[in-house]
């Protein structure tokens, strides 16, 4: 589960295999934002000013710990490979997922974008240990709170990266020729 904090109807989340710069996602009453961890720069937002003030206050209280624990040098960062990619705005939620075959997902996003994507090679680390098995992979579901897909045990993939792959056919930060 990508949720790291909840307060006043606001949910803060981070996802595995997200693109850089390191950031967290915010969801509140059908609105959202993306905020850089290192600078607390608001990358994109349609939150109310009040919600954004709460989020930035929360971020200031937790910034030092987050920067320390999620720094690429710590090896735990969801963007440890520093795959900086242009922010695409607020990503539509994933509304449907099915498994056409092991390793592949058929995704539908709230804006109607849909397609198949092979994700098995992006599922790395201990959190994916069960999810990469044929039995575990088949248990993928949509987490309506975070707007992405998840597996039992807390494994998830970033909706931003999945959306760009389905929409453009390439992973964020990857060249067209790759």
Protein backbone atom coordinates (compact mmCIF):
# COMPACT_ATOMS: atom_id res chain seq x y z
CA UNK A 1 0.00 0.00 0.00
CA UNK A 2 1.55 3.31 -1.01
CA UNK A 3 -0.19 5.45 1.64
CA UNK A 4 2.28 6.92 4.13
CA UNK A 5 0.02 9.38 5.96
CA UNK A 6 -3.63 10.42 6.35
CA UNK A 7 -4.93 13.57 8.01
CA UNK A 8 -7.93 15.91 7.61
CA UNK A 9 -9.21 13.91 4.62
CA UNK A 10 -5.81 14.19 2.89
CA UNK A 11 -3.83 11.13 1.82
CA UNK A 12 -0.07 11.23 1.18
CA UNK A 13 1.37 8.39 -0.92
CA UNK A 14 4.55 7.25 -2.62
CA UNK A 15 4.82 4.49 -5.18
CA UNK A 16 7.37 1.91 -6.23
CA UNK A 17 9.01 2.45 -9.61
CA UNK A 18 7.95 6.09 -9.82
CA UNK A 19 9.91 8.54 -11.99
CA UNK A 20 12.13 11.32 -10.65
CA UNK A 21 12.52 13.80 -9.19
CA UNK A 22 11.68 12.12 -5.86
CA UNK A 23 8.19 13.30 -4.93
CA UNK A 24 5.08 12.32 -3.05
CA UNK A 25 1.49 12.30 -4.25
CA UNK A 26 -1.40 13.96 -2.44
CA UNK A 27 -5.10 13.12 -2.79
CA UNK A 28 -7.99 14.96 -1.17
CA UNK A 29 -11.68 15.03 -2.10
CA UNK A 30 -11.12 14.22 -5.76
CA UNK A 31 -8.17 16.59 -6.13
CA UNK A 32 -4.44 16.03 -6.04
CA UNK A 33 -0.89 17.31 -6.03
CA UNK A 34 2.71 16.21 -6.50
CA UNK A 35 5.38 17.69 -4.21
CA UNK A 36 9.17 17.30 -4.45
CA UNK A 37 10.69 15.76 -1.35
CA UNK A 38 13.99 17.65 -1.36
CA UNK A 39 12.72 21.20 -2.00
CA UNK A 40 8.99 20.90 -1.15
CA UNK A 41 8.30 22.51 -4.52
CA UNK A 42 4.70 21.95 -5.57
CA UNK A 43 5.11 20.36 -9.00
CA UNK A 44 1.42 20.27 -9.85
CA UNK A 45 -1.73 20.79 -7.81
CA UNK A 46 -5.43 21.38 -8.00
CA UNK A 47 -5.87 21.29 -4.21
CA UNK A 48 -7.53 24.14 -2.37
CA UNK A 49 -5.18 26.65 -0.74
CA UNK A 50 -6.23 25.34 2.68
CA UNK A 51 -5.45 21.71 1.76
CA UNK A 52 -2.13 22.72 0.23
CA UNK A 53 -1.15 24.62 3.40
CA UNK A 54 -1.86 21.46 5.46
CA UNK A 55 0.19 19.35 3.05
CA UNK A 56 3.17 21.70 3.08
CA UNK A 57 3.06 21.95 6.88
CA UNK A 58 3.04 18.13 7.06
CA UNK A 59 5.92 18.00 4.56
CA UNK A 60 8.02 20.49 6.53
CA UNK A 61 7.60 18.38 9.66
CA UNK A 62 8.69 15.24 7.82
CA UNK A 63 11.11 16.61 5.19
CA UNK A 64 14.39 15.91 6.99
CA UNK A 65 13.49 12.29 7.68
CA UNK A 66 12.13 11.75 4.17
CA UNK A 67 15.19 13.25 2.50
CA UNK A 68 17.48 11.11 4.65
CA UNK A 69 15.54 7.85 4.25
CA UNK A 70 14.61 8.24 0.60
CA UNK A 71 17.84 9.69 -0.72
CA UNK A 72 19.16 7.77 -3.73
CA UNK A 73 22.39 7.07 -1.83
CA UNK A 74 20.37 5.23 0.81
CA UNK A 75 19.28 2.76 -1.85
CA UNK A 76 15.67 2.89 -0.72
CA UNK A 77 14.36 5.69 -2.88
CA UNK A 78 11.47 4.89 -5.18
CA UNK A 79 13.46 6.81 -7.79
CA UNK A 80 16.87 5.53 -6.79
CA UNK A 81 17.97 5.29 -10.41
CA UNK A 82 17.32 9.04 -10.72
CA UNK A 83 15.09 8.60 -13.75
CA UNK A 84 14.06 12.23 -13.95
CA UNK A 85 11.13 12.68 -16.28
CA UNK A 86 8.90 15.57 -17.12
CA UNK A 87 5.88 15.75 -14.85
CA UNK A 88 2.72 14.96 -16.77
CA UNK A 89 0.33 16.75 -14.48
CA UNK A 90 -2.13 14.92 -12.30
CA UNK A 91 -2.45 11.35 -13.51
CA UNK A 92 -5.93 9.92 -14.00
CA UNK A 93 -6.77 7.08 -11.61
CA UNK A 94 -6.55 3.50 -12.75
CA UNK A 95 -10.15 2.28 -12.74
CA UNK A 96 -9.80 -1.29 -14.04
CA UNK A 97 -7.10 -3.95 -14.18
CA UNK A 98 -7.06 -7.46 -15.55
CA UNK A 99 -4.31 -10.01 -16.24
CA UNK A 100 -4.27 -11.22 -19.86
CA UNK A 101 -1.15 -13.30 -19.10
CA UNK A 102 1.48 -13.59 -16.38
CA UNK A 103 3.54 -10.39 -16.31
CA UNK A 104 1.10 -8.32 -18.36
CA UNK A 105 -1.68 -6.04 -17.16
CA UNK A 106 -4.62 -4.60 -19.06
CA UNK A 107 -5.23 -1.16 -17.55
CA UNK A 108 -8.02 1.37 -17.95
CA UNK A 109 -7.62 4.92 -16.64
CA UNK A 110 -10.37 7.34 -15.61
CA UNK A 111 -9.87 9.45 -18.75
CA UNK A 112 -10.51 6.43 -21.01
CA UNK A 113 -6.87 5.67 -21.88
CA UNK A 114 -6.48 1.89 -21.91
CA UNK A 115 -3.92 -0.67 -22.95
CA UNK A 116 -1.72 -3.58 -22.06
CA UNK A 117 1.64 -3.20 -20.36
CA UNK A 118 4.28 -5.77 -19.40
CA UNK A 119 5.43 -4.98 -15.85
CA UNK A 120 7.15 -8.08 -14.47
CA UNK A 121 10.65 -6.71 -15.15
CA UNK A 122 9.79 -3.54 -13.15
CA UNK A 123 8.72 -5.48 -10.06
CA UNK A 124 11.97 -5.65 -8.09
CA UNK A 125 12.76 -6.05 -4.42
CA UNK A 126 11.41 -8.03 -1.50
CA UNK A 127 7.99 -6.33 -1.50
CA UNK A 128 7.31 -7.99 -4.87
CA UNK A 129 8.45 -11.49 -3.82
CA UNK A 130 4.93 -12.94 -3.84
CA UNK A 131 3.50 -10.60 -6.47
CA UNK A 132 5.90 -11.85 -9.19
CA UNK A 133 4.73 -15.44 -8.82
CA UNK A 134 1.94 -16.54 -11.17
CA UNK A 135 -0.45 -16.94 -8.22
CA UNK A 136 0.50 -13.61 -6.66
CA UNK A 137 0.47 -11.67 -9.94
CA UNK A 138 -3.11 -12.79 -10.57
CA UNK A 139 -4.18 -11.13 -7.28
CA UNK A 140 -3.59 -7.59 -8.60
CA UNK A 141 -6.39 -5.15 -7.84
CA UNK A 142 -7.22 -1.46 -8.08
CA UNK A 143 -6.77 0.50 -4.88
CA UNK A 144 -9.44 3.19 -5.18
CA UNK A 145 -7.91 5.31 -2.41
CA UNK A 146 -4.56 5.69 -4.18
CA UNK A 147 -5.77 5.37 -7.78
CA UNK A 148 -3.24 2.71 -8.67
CA UNK A 149 -2.83 -1.05 -8.73
CA UNK A 150 -1.58 -3.11 -5.83
CA UNK A 151 -0.93 -6.66 -4.72
CA UNK A 152 -1.29 -8.33 -1.33
CA UNK A 153 1.62 -7.46 0.94
CA UNK A 154 1.82 -3.80 -0.03
CA UNK A 155 3.37 -3.97 -3.49
CA UNK A 156 2.22 -1.30 -5.92
CA UNK A 157 3.36 0.45 -9.09
CA UNK A 158 3.27 4.18 -9.77
CA UNK A 159 0.22 5.25 -11.76
CA UNK A 160 2.28 8.01 -13.46
CA UNK A 161 4.72 5.53 -14.98
CA UNK A 162 2.00 3.11 -16.01
CA UNK A 163 -0.06 5.89 -17.59
CA UNK A 164 2.86 7.16 -19.66
CA UNK A 165 3.72 3.62 -20.80
CA UNK A 166 0.13 2.91 -21.89
CA UNK A 167 -0.31 6.38 -23.43
CA UNK A 168 3.01 6.63 -25.32
CA UNK A 169 4.38 3.11 -25.48
CA UNK A 170 7.60 4.05 -23.64
CA UNK A 171 8.54 4.20 -19.96
CA UNK A 172 9.21 7.67 -18.52
CA UNK A 173 12.89 8.56 -18.83
CA UNK A 174 13.43 6.03 -21.60
CA UNK A 175 14.32 7.17 -25.10
CA UNK A 176 12.09 6.33 -28.04
CA UNK A 177 14.78 4.03 -29.45
CA UNK A 178 15.04 1.89 -26.29
